[in-house]
């Protein structure tokens, strides 16, 4: 009976962990559907690396106080915006934010990462390296607005 409860506990834990991770098509499945950036806009990619800690903590990601998505482990999404000053924020028990200026033709990468909190983990947005971020995004799943994927 002890073995049964251990197995059941493990199965429940794995199911809860899987439920907290990104679901959706892999980057390679949507890459060809991501439109070319127009000359009068910039693009902002939001992503969160896959991780075991804090999988159930998935706060809204806000861009200038407008919800644009959620911080989901193993997921990414993007938005195209007009040039201007932007603030990305996330809130759990505290509000964390990063600010930047987006120019026409720019691509910015905002990583959301989890850190310890008092009651619940904090999700902190930071600007990421434009040289390495695209390679990390290629390993993630698309969690944004549904796109039409290319036929294989």
C-alpha atoms as a PDB file:
ATOM      1  CA  UNK A   1       0.000   0.000   0.000  1.00  0.00           C
ATOM      2  CA  UNK A   2       2.902   2.356   0.753  1.00  0.00           C
ATOM      3  CA  UNK A   3       4.237   1.840  -2.786  1.00  0.00           C
ATOM      4  CA  UNK A   4       0.805   2.658  -4.226  1.00  0.00           C
ATOM      5  CA  UNK A   5       0.683   6.009  -2.400  1.00  0.00           C
ATOM      6  CA  UNK A   6       4.230   6.881  -3.473  1.00  0.00           C
ATOM      7  CA  UNK A   7       3.370   6.108  -7.091  1.00  0.00           C
ATOM      8  CA  UNK A   8       0.126   8.073  -6.858  1.00  0.00           C
ATOM      9  CA  UNK A   9       1.936  11.016  -5.250  1.00  0.00           C
ATOM     10  CA  UNK A  10       4.586  10.980  -7.979  1.00  0.00           C
ATOM     11  CA  UNK A  11       1.934  10.849 -10.723  1.00  0.00           C
ATOM     12  CA  UNK A  12       0.038  13.785  -9.217  1.00  0.00           C
ATOM     13  CA  UNK A  13       3.256  15.786  -8.874  1.00  0.00           C
ATOM     14  CA  UNK A  14       4.277  15.154 -12.481  1.00  0.00           C
ATOM     15  CA  UNK A  15       0.789  16.090 -13.694  1.00  0.00           C
ATOM     16  CA  UNK A  16       0.817  19.351 -11.712  1.00  0.00           C
ATOM     17  CA  UNK A  17       4.286  20.202 -13.013  1.00  0.00           C
ATOM     18  CA  UNK A  18       3.272  19.490 -16.611  1.00  0.00           C
ATOM     19  CA  UNK A  19       0.161  21.625 -16.190  1.00  0.00           C
ATOM     20  CA  UNK A  20       2.372  24.562 -15.236  1.00  0.00           C
ATOM     21  CA  UNK A  21       4.531  24.416 -18.359  1.00  0.00           C
ATOM     22  CA  UNK A  22       3.834  25.976 -21.715  1.00  0.00           C
ATOM     23  CA  UNK A  23       1.555  24.222 -24.123  1.00  0.00           C
ATOM     24  CA  UNK A  24       1.401  25.245 -27.729  1.00  0.00           C
ATOM     25  CA  UNK A  25       3.393  24.765 -30.898  1.00  0.00           C
ATOM     26  CA  UNK A  26       7.174  24.740 -30.826  1.00  0.00           C
ATOM     27  CA  UNK A  27       8.973  27.774 -32.236  1.00  0.00           C
ATOM     28  CA  UNK A  28       9.954  25.878 -35.390  1.00  0.00           C
ATOM     29  CA  UNK A  29       6.263  25.178 -36.068  1.00  0.00           C
ATOM     30  CA  UNK A  30       5.279  28.877 -35.995  1.00  0.00           C
ATOM     31  CA  UNK A  31       8.491  30.567 -37.182  1.00  0.00           C
ATOM     32  CA  UNK A  32       7.353  30.795 -40.793  1.00  0.00           C
ATOM     33  CA  UNK A  33       4.026  32.304 -39.668  1.00  0.00           C
ATOM     34  CA  UNK A  34       5.635  35.168 -37.752  1.00  0.00           C
ATOM     35  CA  UNK A  35       5.160  38.170 -40.032  1.00  0.00           C
ATOM     36  CA  UNK A  36       8.018  40.345 -41.188  1.00  0.00           C
ATOM     37  CA  UNK A  37       8.331  43.437 -39.021  1.00  0.00           C
ATOM     38  CA  UNK A  38       6.947  46.539 -40.730  1.00  0.00           C
ATOM     39  CA  UNK A  39       9.317  49.495 -41.085  1.00  0.00           C
ATOM     40  CA  UNK A  40       7.273  51.738 -38.777  1.00  0.00           C
ATOM     41  CA  UNK A  41       7.082  49.302 -35.830  1.00  0.00           C
ATOM     42  CA  UNK A  42       9.360  47.511 -33.388  1.00  0.00           C
ATOM     43  CA  UNK A  43       8.948  43.976 -32.037  1.00  0.00           C
ATOM     44  CA  UNK A  44       9.127  42.830 -28.438  1.00  0.00           C
ATOM     45  CA  UNK A  45       9.615  39.140 -27.651  1.00  0.00           C
ATOM     46  CA  UNK A  46       8.672  37.958 -24.158  1.00  0.00           C
ATOM     47  CA  UNK A  47       9.979  34.618 -22.941  1.00  0.00           C
ATOM     48  CA  UNK A  48      10.548  32.473 -19.882  1.00  0.00           C
ATOM     49  CA  UNK A  49      12.933  29.559 -19.855  1.00  0.00           C
ATOM     50  CA  UNK A  50      11.614  26.153 -18.896  1.00  0.00           C
ATOM     51  CA  UNK A  51      12.233  25.428 -15.252  1.00  0.00           C
ATOM     52  CA  UNK A  52      11.026  23.327 -12.374  1.00  0.00           C
ATOM     53  CA  UNK A  53      10.716  26.084  -9.784  1.00  0.00           C
ATOM     54  CA  UNK A  54       7.561  28.162  -9.777  1.00  0.00           C
ATOM     55  CA  UNK A  55       5.845  26.435 -12.694  1.00  0.00           C
ATOM     56  CA  UNK A  56       2.433  27.314 -11.298  1.00  0.00           C
ATOM     57  CA  UNK A  57       3.318  31.014 -10.962  1.00  0.00           C
ATOM     58  CA  UNK A  58       2.249  32.559 -14.279  1.00  0.00           C
ATOM     59  CA  UNK A  59       1.374  36.222 -13.795  1.00  0.00           C
ATOM     60  CA  UNK A  60       0.133  38.547 -16.490  1.00  0.00           C
ATOM     61  CA  UNK A  61       2.756  40.438 -18.466  1.00  0.00           C
ATOM     62  CA  UNK A  62       1.759  44.059 -18.959  1.00  0.00           C
ATOM     63  CA  UNK A  63       3.133  46.498 -21.502  1.00  0.00           C
ATOM     64  CA  UNK A  64       2.400  50.085 -20.418  1.00  0.00           C
ATOM     65  CA  UNK A  65      -0.289  48.678 -18.076  1.00  0.00           C
ATOM     66  CA  UNK A  66      -2.017  46.696 -20.863  1.00  0.00           C
ATOM     67  CA  UNK A  67      -2.021  42.888 -20.536  1.00  0.00           C
ATOM     68  CA  UNK A  68      -0.197  41.351 -23.513  1.00  0.00           C
ATOM     69  CA  UNK A  69       0.301  37.780 -22.248  1.00  0.00           C
ATOM     70  CA  UNK A  70       1.402  35.591 -19.347  1.00  0.00           C
ATOM     71  CA  UNK A  71       4.814  34.549 -18.053  1.00  0.00           C
ATOM     72  CA  UNK A  72       4.636  30.803 -18.716  1.00  0.00           C
ATOM     73  CA  UNK A  73       7.639  28.524 -18.135  1.00  0.00           C
ATOM     74  CA  UNK A  74       8.937  27.254 -21.476  1.00  0.00           C
ATOM     75  CA  UNK A  75       6.922  29.776 -23.470  1.00  0.00           C
ATOM     76  CA  UNK A  76       7.325  32.862 -25.633  1.00  0.00           C
ATOM     77  CA  UNK A  77       5.151  35.390 -27.415  1.00  0.00           C
ATOM     78  CA  UNK A  78       5.690  38.700 -29.173  1.00  0.00           C
ATOM     79  CA  UNK A  79       3.972  42.003 -29.883  1.00  0.00           C
ATOM     80  CA  UNK A  80       4.635  44.626 -32.535  1.00  0.00           C
ATOM     81  CA  UNK A  81       4.388  48.221 -31.332  1.00  0.00           C
ATOM     82  CA  UNK A  82       4.949  51.744 -32.578  1.00  0.00           C
ATOM     83  CA  UNK A  83       8.174  53.448 -31.486  1.00  0.00           C
ATOM     84  CA  UNK A  84       8.093  54.906 -27.990  1.00  0.00           C
ATOM     85  CA  UNK A  85       8.914  54.412 -24.336  1.00  0.00           C
ATOM     86  CA  UNK A  86       7.664  51.185 -22.778  1.00  0.00           C
ATOM     87  CA  UNK A  87       7.389  49.656 -19.331  1.00  0.00           C
ATOM     88  CA  UNK A  88       6.982  45.903 -18.932  1.00  0.00           C
ATOM     89  CA  UNK A  89       5.613  44.817 -15.573  1.00  0.00           C
ATOM     90  CA  UNK A  90       4.626  41.653 -13.736  1.00  0.00           C
ATOM     91  CA  UNK A  91       2.964  41.394 -10.335  1.00  0.00           C
ATOM     92  CA  UNK A  92       2.801  38.606  -7.790  1.00  0.00           C
ATOM     93  CA  UNK A  93       3.228  39.845  -4.216  1.00  0.00           C
ATOM     94  CA  UNK A  94       5.289  42.756  -5.549  1.00  0.00           C
ATOM     95  CA  UNK A  95       5.387  44.599  -8.860  1.00  0.00           C
ATOM     96  CA  UNK A  96       8.557  44.194 -10.935  1.00  0.00           C
ATOM     97  CA  UNK A  97       9.267  46.194 -14.080  1.00  0.00           C
ATOM     98  CA  UNK A  98      11.764  47.129 -16.746  1.00  0.00           C
ATOM     99  CA  UNK A  99      11.647  50.178 -19.015  1.00  0.00           C
ATOM    100  CA  UNK A 100      13.143  50.804 -22.438  1.00  0.00           C
ATOM    101  CA  UNK A 101      12.738  52.778 -25.636  1.00  0.00           C
ATOM    102  CA  UNK A 102      11.607  50.957 -28.765  1.00  0.00           C
ATOM    103  CA  UNK A 103      12.635  52.397 -32.134  1.00  0.00           C
ATOM    104  CA  UNK A 104      11.251  51.555 -35.570  1.00  0.00           C
ATOM    105  CA  UNK A 105      12.896  48.351 -36.779  1.00  0.00           C
ATOM    106  CA  UNK A 106      14.098  47.369 -33.268  1.00  0.00           C
ATOM    107  CA  UNK A 107      13.641  43.946 -31.765  1.00  0.00           C
ATOM    108  CA  UNK A 108      13.773  43.763 -27.969  1.00  0.00           C
ATOM    109  CA  UNK A 109      13.844  40.595 -25.877  1.00  0.00           C
ATOM    110  CA  UNK A 110      12.265  40.595 -22.423  1.00  0.00           C
ATOM    111  CA  UNK A 111      13.059  37.597 -20.229  1.00  0.00           C
ATOM    112  CA  UNK A 112      10.842  36.865 -17.248  1.00  0.00           C
ATOM    113  CA  UNK A 113      12.584  34.973 -14.447  1.00  0.00           C
ATOM    114  CA  UNK A 114      11.424  33.651 -11.106  1.00  0.00           C
ATOM    115  CA  UNK A 115      13.033  34.476  -7.783  1.00  0.00           C
ATOM    116  CA  UNK A 116      12.125  33.747  -4.178  1.00  0.00           C
ATOM    117  CA  UNK A 117       9.436  35.777  -2.458  1.00  0.00           C
ATOM    118  CA  UNK A 118       7.983  35.764   1.033  1.00  0.00           C
ATOM    119  CA  UNK A 119       4.671  34.089   0.169  1.00  0.00           C
ATOM    120  CA  UNK A 120       4.993  33.446  -3.540  1.00  0.00           C
ATOM    121  CA  UNK A 121       7.784  33.725  -6.090  1.00  0.00           C
ATOM    122  CA  UNK A 122       8.470  36.964  -7.910  1.00  0.00           C
ATOM    123  CA  UNK A 123       8.542  37.090 -11.701  1.00  0.00           C
ATOM    124  CA  UNK A 124      10.991  39.754 -12.833  1.00  0.00           C
ATOM    125  CA  UNK A 125      11.195  41.100 -16.406  1.00  0.00           C
ATOM    126  CA  UNK A 126      14.647  42.057 -17.715  1.00  0.00           C
ATOM    127  CA  UNK A 127      16.010  43.027 -21.123  1.00  0.00           C
ATOM    128  CA  UNK A 128      17.969  40.133 -22.571  1.00  0.00           C
ATOM    129  CA  UNK A 129      20.935  39.892 -24.922  1.00  0.00           C
ATOM    130  CA  UNK A 130      19.804  40.178 -28.578  1.00  0.00           C
ATOM    131  CA  UNK A 131      22.646  37.830 -29.584  1.00  0.00           C
ATOM    132  CA  UNK A 132      21.642  34.884 -27.373  1.00  0.00           C
ATOM    133  CA  UNK A 133      17.905  35.371 -26.728  1.00  0.00           C
ATOM    134  CA  UNK A 134      16.755  34.253 -30.213  1.00  0.00           C
ATOM    135  CA  UNK A 135      18.556  30.914 -29.771  1.00  0.00           C
ATOM    136  CA  UNK A 136      16.818  30.346 -26.452  1.00  0.00           C
ATOM    137  CA  UNK A 137      13.416  31.258 -27.903  1.00  0.00           C
ATOM    138  CA  UNK A 138      13.923  28.605 -30.601  1.00  0.00           C
ATOM    139  CA  UNK A 139      13.672  25.976 -27.828  1.00  0.00           C
ATOM    140  CA  UNK A 140      10.376  27.281 -26.439  1.00  0.00           C
ATOM    141  CA  UNK A 141       6.663  26.978 -27.219  1.00  0.00           C
ATOM    142  CA  UNK A 142       4.523  29.781 -28.614  1.00  0.00           C
ATOM    143  CA  UNK A 143       1.964  30.976 -26.046  1.00  0.00           C
ATOM    144  CA  UNK A 144       0.693  34.100 -27.806  1.00  0.00           C
ATOM    145  CA  UNK A 145      -2.334  34.746 -29.960  1.00  0.00           C
ATOM    146  CA  UNK A 146      -3.003  31.696 -32.154  1.00  0.00           C
ATOM    147  CA  UNK A 147      -1.213  31.800 -35.490  1.00  0.00           C
ATOM    148  CA  UNK A 148      -1.755  29.774 -38.614  1.00  0.00           C
ATOM    149  CA  UNK A 149       1.127  27.325 -38.725  1.00  0.00           C
ATOM    150  CA  UNK A 150       2.757  26.326 -41.970  1.00  0.00           C
ATOM    151  CA  UNK A 151       1.731  22.991 -43.448  1.00  0.00           C
ATOM    152  CA  UNK A 152       4.560  20.496 -43.077  1.00  0.00           C
END
